[in-house]
């Protein structure tokens, strides 16, 4: 879920019911200027990021699954797999069925790497 904040969010935020928010892709965004500001006045920063709620233990697998499921549902994932299998078996000659699935596998790999980096930093900080 796309989120915005005036304060830089922590990568992992405890919710209080045993779950956590995992905030990733955090960037400082330009805030639109709606009204003219006084000379020298500046607008507070705005942070833009993706956020997903994690239930259960904070493991790479649990977090990765939550991030990937937030991006696409099971039906979309199965469609990618089925179209890829059709291409591999020669039922489909649409090369996009192959390249779409390869892109999905690359997305999984990159997501696992991102989550591992964030999880390592969180654990090193003693959280």
N, C-alpha and C. Protein backbone atom coordinates (compact mmCIF):
# COMPACT_ATOMS: atom_id res chain seq x y z
N UNK A 1 0.85 -1.17 0.00
CA UNK A 1 0.00 0.00 0.00
C UNK A 1 0.90 1.24 0.00
N UNK A 2 0.66 2.13 -0.89
CA UNK A 2 1.41 3.39 -0.97
C UNK A 2 1.03 4.24 0.23
N UNK A 3 2.06 4.75 0.93
CA UNK A 3 1.85 5.57 2.12
C UNK A 3 2.70 6.83 2.05
N UNK A 4 2.31 7.82 2.83
CA UNK A 4 3.03 9.09 2.90
C UNK A 4 3.14 9.50 4.37
N UNK A 5 4.23 10.19 4.70
CA UNK A 5 4.42 10.65 6.07
C UNK A 5 5.32 11.88 6.06
N UNK A 6 5.12 12.76 7.04
CA UNK A 6 6.02 13.90 7.20
C UNK A 6 7.27 13.49 7.99
N UNK A 7 7.21 12.35 8.66
CA UNK A 7 8.36 11.82 9.40
C UNK A 7 8.84 10.57 8.69
N UNK A 8 10.16 10.40 8.63
CA UNK A 8 10.71 9.20 8.00
C UNK A 8 10.26 7.99 8.82
N UNK A 9 9.56 7.06 8.20
CA UNK A 9 9.07 5.90 8.96
C UNK A 9 10.19 4.90 9.23
N UNK A 10 10.08 4.19 10.33
CA UNK A 10 10.98 3.07 10.59
C UNK A 10 10.67 1.98 9.57
N UNK A 11 11.68 1.19 9.25
CA UNK A 11 11.46 0.10 8.29
C UNK A 11 10.48 -0.92 8.87
N UNK A 12 10.62 -1.21 10.15
CA UNK A 12 9.69 -2.11 10.83
C UNK A 12 9.03 -1.35 11.97
N UNK A 13 7.71 -1.39 12.01
CA UNK A 13 6.96 -0.72 13.07
C UNK A 13 6.06 -1.74 13.75
N UNK A 14 6.20 -1.83 15.08
CA UNK A 14 5.34 -2.72 15.85
C UNK A 14 3.94 -2.12 15.90
N UNK A 15 2.94 -2.96 15.69
CA UNK A 15 1.56 -2.49 15.69
C UNK A 15 0.95 -2.57 17.08
N UNK A 16 1.37 -3.58 17.86
CA UNK A 16 0.83 -3.70 19.22
C UNK A 16 0.02 -4.95 19.42
N UNK A 17 -0.36 -5.59 18.34
CA UNK A 17 -1.12 -6.84 18.44
C UNK A 17 -0.26 -8.05 18.01
N UNK A 18 1.06 -7.84 18.01
CA UNK A 18 1.97 -8.90 17.59
C UNK A 18 2.35 -8.80 16.12
N UNK A 19 1.68 -7.93 15.39
CA UNK A 19 2.01 -7.75 13.98
C UNK A 19 2.93 -6.54 13.82
N UNK A 20 3.47 -6.40 12.61
CA UNK A 20 4.37 -5.30 12.29
C UNK A 20 4.00 -4.74 10.92
N UNK A 21 4.34 -3.48 10.72
CA UNK A 21 4.33 -2.92 9.37
C UNK A 21 5.75 -2.99 8.85
N UNK A 22 5.89 -3.43 7.62
CA UNK A 22 7.17 -3.40 6.94
C UNK A 22 7.07 -2.28 5.92
N UNK A 23 7.86 -1.23 6.11
CA UNK A 23 7.87 -0.06 5.22
C UNK A 23 9.13 -0.13 4.36
N UNK A 24 8.95 -0.08 3.06
CA UNK A 24 10.10 -0.22 2.16
C UNK A 24 9.97 0.73 0.98
N UNK A 25 11.10 0.90 0.29
CA UNK A 25 11.11 1.84 -0.83
C UNK A 25 10.91 3.27 -0.37
N UNK A 26 11.44 3.58 0.80
CA UNK A 26 11.22 4.90 1.41
C UNK A 26 12.05 5.96 0.67
N UNK A 27 11.36 6.96 0.14
CA UNK A 27 12.04 8.05 -0.54
C UNK A 27 11.44 9.38 -0.08
N UNK A 28 12.28 10.40 -0.10
CA UNK A 28 11.78 11.74 0.22
C UNK A 28 11.21 12.32 -1.06
N UNK A 29 9.95 12.67 -1.03
CA UNK A 29 9.25 13.15 -2.22
C UNK A 29 9.10 14.66 -2.15
N UNK A 30 8.93 15.25 -3.30
CA UNK A 30 8.66 16.68 -3.38
C UNK A 30 7.21 16.94 -2.98
N UNK A 31 7.03 17.85 -2.07
CA UNK A 31 5.69 18.21 -1.64
C UNK A 31 5.17 19.29 -2.58
N UNK A 32 3.98 19.11 -3.12
CA UNK A 32 3.45 20.16 -4.01
C UNK A 32 3.19 21.44 -3.23
N UNK A 33 3.55 22.54 -3.84
CA UNK A 33 3.33 23.84 -3.20
C UNK A 33 1.95 24.35 -3.61
N UNK A 34 1.05 24.36 -2.64
CA UNK A 34 -0.32 24.76 -2.93
C UNK A 34 -0.52 26.27 -2.81
N UNK A 35 0.15 26.86 -1.85
CA UNK A 35 0.03 28.29 -1.64
C UNK A 35 1.43 28.91 -1.62
N UNK A 36 1.55 30.14 -2.04
CA UNK A 36 2.87 30.78 -1.98
C UNK A 36 3.36 30.84 -0.53
N UNK A 37 4.62 30.49 -0.35
CA UNK A 37 5.22 30.49 0.99
C UNK A 37 5.93 31.83 1.22
N UNK A 38 6.05 32.19 2.49
CA UNK A 38 6.83 33.37 2.83
C UNK A 38 8.27 33.14 2.41
N UNK A 39 8.93 34.22 2.10
CA UNK A 39 10.32 34.11 1.68
C UNK A 39 11.13 33.44 2.79
N UNK A 40 11.90 32.43 2.42
CA UNK A 40 12.72 31.71 3.37
C UNK A 40 12.01 30.55 4.05
N UNK A 41 10.69 30.49 3.95
CA UNK A 41 9.95 29.40 4.56
C UNK A 41 10.05 28.16 3.67
N UNK A 42 10.12 27.02 4.30
CA UNK A 42 10.19 25.79 3.51
C UNK A 42 9.11 24.82 3.98
N UNK A 43 8.70 24.00 3.08
CA UNK A 43 7.70 22.99 3.40
C UNK A 43 8.39 21.81 4.07
N UNK A 44 7.71 21.15 5.01
CA UNK A 44 8.32 19.98 5.65
C UNK A 44 8.47 18.85 4.63
N UNK A 45 9.44 17.98 4.85
CA UNK A 45 9.62 16.88 3.89
C UNK A 45 8.43 15.92 3.93
N UNK A 46 8.24 15.24 2.83
CA UNK A 46 7.22 14.19 2.74
C UNK A 46 7.92 12.92 2.30
N UNK A 47 7.67 11.84 3.03
CA UNK A 47 8.26 10.56 2.68
C UNK A 47 7.20 9.68 2.05
N UNK A 48 7.58 9.10 0.93
CA UNK A 48 6.69 8.21 0.18
C UNK A 48 7.27 6.80 0.30
N UNK A 49 6.41 5.83 0.55
CA UNK A 49 6.90 4.46 0.72
C UNK A 49 5.76 3.45 0.56
N UNK A 50 6.15 2.21 0.42
CA UNK A 50 5.20 1.10 0.38
C UNK A 50 5.16 0.50 1.78
N UNK A 51 4.00 0.02 2.17
CA UNK A 51 3.82 -0.54 3.50
C UNK A 51 2.97 -1.79 3.42
N UNK A 52 3.38 -2.81 4.14
CA UNK A 52 2.61 -4.06 4.19
C UNK A 52 2.62 -4.56 5.63
N UNK A 53 1.52 -5.14 6.05
CA UNK A 53 1.41 -5.64 7.42
C UNK A 53 1.85 -7.09 7.47
N UNK A 54 2.70 -7.39 8.45
CA UNK A 54 3.24 -8.73 8.62
C UNK A 54 2.63 -9.34 9.87
N UNK A 55 2.00 -10.48 9.71
CA UNK A 55 1.47 -11.23 10.85
C UNK A 55 2.41 -12.40 11.09
N UNK A 56 2.68 -12.67 12.34
CA UNK A 56 3.59 -13.77 12.66
C UNK A 56 5.01 -13.28 12.79
N UNK A 57 5.92 -14.23 12.74
CA UNK A 57 7.34 -13.96 12.95
C UNK A 57 7.93 -13.15 11.80
N UNK A 58 8.86 -12.28 12.14
CA UNK A 58 9.55 -11.48 11.12
C UNK A 58 10.68 -12.32 10.52
N UNK A 59 10.35 -13.07 9.49
CA UNK A 59 11.34 -13.86 8.77
C UNK A 59 11.37 -13.39 7.33
N UNK A 60 12.47 -13.69 6.65
CA UNK A 60 12.58 -13.28 5.25
C UNK A 60 11.42 -13.86 4.43
N UNK A 61 11.09 -15.12 4.68
CA UNK A 61 10.01 -15.75 3.90
C UNK A 61 8.66 -15.09 4.18
N UNK A 62 8.32 -14.86 5.45
CA UNK A 62 7.04 -14.24 5.78
C UNK A 62 6.91 -12.85 5.19
N UNK A 63 7.98 -12.07 5.30
CA UNK A 63 7.95 -10.70 4.80
C UNK A 63 7.88 -10.69 3.28
N UNK A 64 8.69 -11.53 2.64
CA UNK A 64 8.69 -11.61 1.17
C UNK A 64 7.32 -12.01 0.65
N UNK A 65 6.71 -13.01 1.27
CA UNK A 65 5.36 -13.45 0.84
C UNK A 65 4.35 -12.31 0.95
N UNK A 66 4.42 -11.56 2.05
CA UNK A 66 3.47 -10.46 2.25
C UNK A 66 3.67 -9.37 1.20
N UNK A 67 4.93 -9.05 0.89
CA UNK A 67 5.22 -8.01 -0.11
C UNK A 67 4.72 -8.47 -1.48
N UNK A 68 5.05 -9.70 -1.85
CA UNK A 68 4.63 -10.20 -3.16
C UNK A 68 3.12 -10.30 -3.28
N UNK A 69 2.45 -10.72 -2.22
CA UNK A 69 0.99 -10.84 -2.26
C UNK A 69 0.33 -9.47 -2.34
N UNK A 70 0.97 -8.47 -1.75
CA UNK A 70 0.44 -7.10 -1.84
C UNK A 70 0.49 -6.60 -3.29
N UNK A 71 1.50 -7.04 -4.02
CA UNK A 71 1.68 -6.59 -5.40
C UNK A 71 0.77 -7.30 -6.38
N UNK A 72 0.50 -8.58 -6.13
CA UNK A 72 -0.39 -9.33 -7.04
C UNK A 72 -1.05 -10.44 -6.25
N UNK A 73 -2.29 -10.73 -6.59
CA UNK A 73 -3.01 -11.78 -5.86
C UNK A 73 -2.68 -13.16 -6.44
N UNK A 74 -3.20 -14.20 -5.79
CA UNK A 74 -2.90 -15.58 -6.19
C UNK A 74 -3.36 -15.87 -7.62
N UNK A 75 -4.49 -15.31 -8.02
CA UNK A 75 -5.01 -15.56 -9.37
C UNK A 75 -4.05 -15.00 -10.43
N UNK A 76 -3.52 -13.81 -10.19
CA UNK A 76 -2.55 -13.22 -11.13
C UNK A 76 -1.27 -14.04 -11.19
N UNK A 77 -0.83 -14.51 -10.03
CA UNK A 77 0.38 -15.33 -9.98
C UNK A 77 0.17 -16.65 -10.74
N UNK A 78 -0.97 -17.29 -10.52
CA UNK A 78 -1.26 -18.55 -11.22
C UNK A 78 -1.39 -18.33 -12.73
N UNK A 79 -1.92 -17.19 -13.12
CA UNK A 79 -2.01 -16.87 -14.54
C UNK A 79 -0.63 -16.78 -15.17
N UNK A 80 0.31 -16.15 -14.47
CA UNK A 80 1.69 -16.08 -14.97
C UNK A 80 2.28 -17.48 -15.13
N UNK A 81 2.09 -18.32 -14.12
CA UNK A 81 2.63 -19.68 -14.16
C UNK A 81 1.99 -20.48 -15.29
N UNK A 82 0.67 -20.39 -15.41
CA UNK A 82 -0.03 -21.16 -16.45
C UNK A 82 0.36 -20.70 -17.86
N UNK A 83 0.48 -19.40 -18.05
CA UNK A 83 0.90 -18.91 -19.37
C UNK A 83 2.33 -19.34 -19.68
N UNK A 84 3.21 -19.33 -18.68
CA UNK A 84 4.59 -19.79 -18.86
C UNK A 84 4.61 -21.28 -19.23
N UNK A 85 3.85 -22.08 -18.48
CA UNK A 85 3.81 -23.52 -18.78
C UNK A 85 3.26 -23.77 -20.18
N UNK A 86 2.28 -23.03 -20.58
CA UNK A 86 1.74 -23.18 -21.94
C UNK A 86 2.80 -22.88 -22.98
N UNK A 87 3.61 -21.88 -22.73
CA UNK A 87 4.68 -21.52 -23.66
C UNK A 87 5.73 -22.63 -23.70
N UNK A 88 6.14 -23.11 -22.53
CA UNK A 88 7.17 -24.15 -22.45
C UNK A 88 6.70 -25.44 -23.13
N UNK A 89 5.43 -25.77 -23.00
CA UNK A 89 4.88 -26.99 -23.59
C UNK A 89 4.52 -26.84 -25.06
N UNK A 90 4.70 -25.64 -25.59
CA UNK A 90 4.43 -25.42 -27.00
C UNK A 90 2.97 -25.15 -27.31
N UNK A 91 2.16 -24.98 -26.31
CA UNK A 91 0.73 -24.69 -26.51
C UNK A 91 0.55 -23.23 -26.93
N UNK A 92 1.41 -22.37 -26.38
CA UNK A 92 1.38 -20.95 -26.72
C UNK A 92 2.67 -20.60 -27.43
N UNK A 93 2.57 -19.70 -28.40
CA UNK A 93 3.78 -19.22 -29.05
C UNK A 93 4.02 -17.74 -28.73
N UNK A 94 3.32 -17.25 -27.71
CA UNK A 94 3.45 -15.86 -27.30
C UNK A 94 4.68 -15.73 -26.39
N UNK A 95 5.74 -15.12 -26.90
CA UNK A 95 6.98 -15.00 -26.15
C UNK A 95 6.82 -14.16 -24.88
N UNK A 96 5.79 -13.33 -24.82
CA UNK A 96 5.53 -12.53 -23.62
C UNK A 96 5.21 -13.44 -22.43
N UNK A 97 4.66 -14.62 -22.69
CA UNK A 97 4.38 -15.56 -21.61
C UNK A 97 5.67 -15.98 -20.91
N UNK A 98 6.73 -16.11 -21.67
CA UNK A 98 8.05 -16.44 -21.12
C UNK A 98 8.67 -15.24 -20.43
N UNK A 99 8.71 -14.11 -21.10
CA UNK A 99 9.39 -12.93 -20.54
C UNK A 99 8.66 -12.38 -19.32
N UNK A 100 7.34 -12.46 -19.29
CA UNK A 100 6.59 -12.00 -18.11
C UNK A 100 6.93 -12.85 -16.89
N UNK A 101 7.03 -14.16 -17.09
CA UNK A 101 7.36 -15.05 -15.99
C UNK A 101 8.80 -14.85 -15.52
N UNK A 102 9.71 -14.66 -16.46
CA UNK A 102 11.09 -14.39 -16.08
C UNK A 102 11.20 -13.09 -15.29
N UNK A 103 10.45 -12.09 -15.67
CA UNK A 103 10.44 -10.82 -14.95
C UNK A 103 9.88 -11.02 -13.54
N UNK A 104 8.87 -11.87 -13.41
CA UNK A 104 8.29 -12.17 -12.10
C UNK A 104 9.32 -12.87 -11.21
N UNK A 105 10.04 -13.83 -11.76
CA UNK A 105 11.08 -14.52 -10.99
C UNK A 105 12.18 -13.55 -10.55
N UNK A 106 12.52 -12.62 -11.42
CA UNK A 106 13.51 -11.60 -11.07
C UNK A 106 12.98 -10.70 -9.95
N UNK A 107 11.70 -10.37 -10.01
CA UNK A 107 11.08 -9.56 -8.96
C UNK A 107 11.15 -10.30 -7.61
N UNK A 108 10.89 -11.60 -7.62
CA UNK A 108 10.98 -12.39 -6.39
C UNK A 108 12.40 -12.33 -5.83
N UNK A 109 13.38 -12.53 -6.69
CA UNK A 109 14.79 -12.51 -6.27
C UNK A 109 15.14 -11.15 -5.66
N UNK A 110 14.79 -10.07 -6.33
CA UNK A 110 15.10 -8.73 -5.84
C UNK A 110 14.38 -8.43 -4.53
N UNK A 111 13.15 -8.91 -4.40
CA UNK A 111 12.38 -8.69 -3.17
C UNK A 111 13.04 -9.42 -2.01
N UNK A 112 13.45 -10.67 -2.23
CA UNK A 112 14.14 -11.43 -1.18
C UNK A 112 15.41 -10.71 -0.73
N UNK A 113 16.17 -10.19 -1.69
CA UNK A 113 17.41 -9.48 -1.36
C UNK A 113 17.12 -8.21 -0.57
N UNK A 114 16.11 -7.44 -0.98
CA UNK A 114 15.74 -6.21 -0.29
C UNK A 114 15.31 -6.52 1.15
N UNK A 115 14.46 -7.52 1.29
CA UNK A 115 13.95 -7.89 2.62
C UNK A 115 15.11 -8.34 3.51
N UNK A 116 16.03 -9.13 2.97
CA UNK A 116 17.14 -9.62 3.78
C UNK A 116 18.01 -8.47 4.27
N UNK A 117 18.30 -7.51 3.42
CA UNK A 117 19.09 -6.33 3.82
C UNK A 117 18.38 -5.58 4.94
N UNK A 118 17.08 -5.33 4.78
CA UNK A 118 16.32 -4.60 5.80
C UNK A 118 16.22 -5.38 7.10
N UNK A 119 16.02 -6.69 7.01
CA UNK A 119 15.91 -7.54 8.19
C UNK A 119 17.24 -7.61 8.94
N UNK A 120 18.33 -7.72 8.20
CA UNK A 120 19.67 -7.73 8.83
C UNK A 120 19.92 -6.43 9.58
N UNK A 121 19.58 -5.29 8.97
CA UNK A 121 19.78 -3.99 9.62
C UNK A 121 18.91 -3.88 10.87
N UNK A 122 17.69 -4.35 10.80
CA UNK A 122 16.76 -4.31 11.93
C UNK A 122 17.29 -5.16 13.08
N UNK A 123 17.77 -6.35 12.77
CA UNK A 123 18.30 -7.25 13.81
C UNK A 123 19.62 -6.73 14.37
N UNK A 124 20.45 -6.11 13.56
CA UNK A 124 21.72 -5.54 14.03
C UNK A 124 21.48 -4.39 14.99
N UNK A 125 20.36 -3.68 14.79
CA UNK A 125 20.02 -2.56 15.67
C UNK A 125 19.45 -3.05 17.01
N UNK A 126 19.28 -4.38 17.12
CA UNK A 126 18.82 -4.95 18.38
C UNK A 126 17.33 -4.88 18.58
N UNK A 127 16.61 -4.78 17.51
CA UNK A 127 15.14 -4.71 17.61
C UNK A 127 14.54 -6.08 17.84
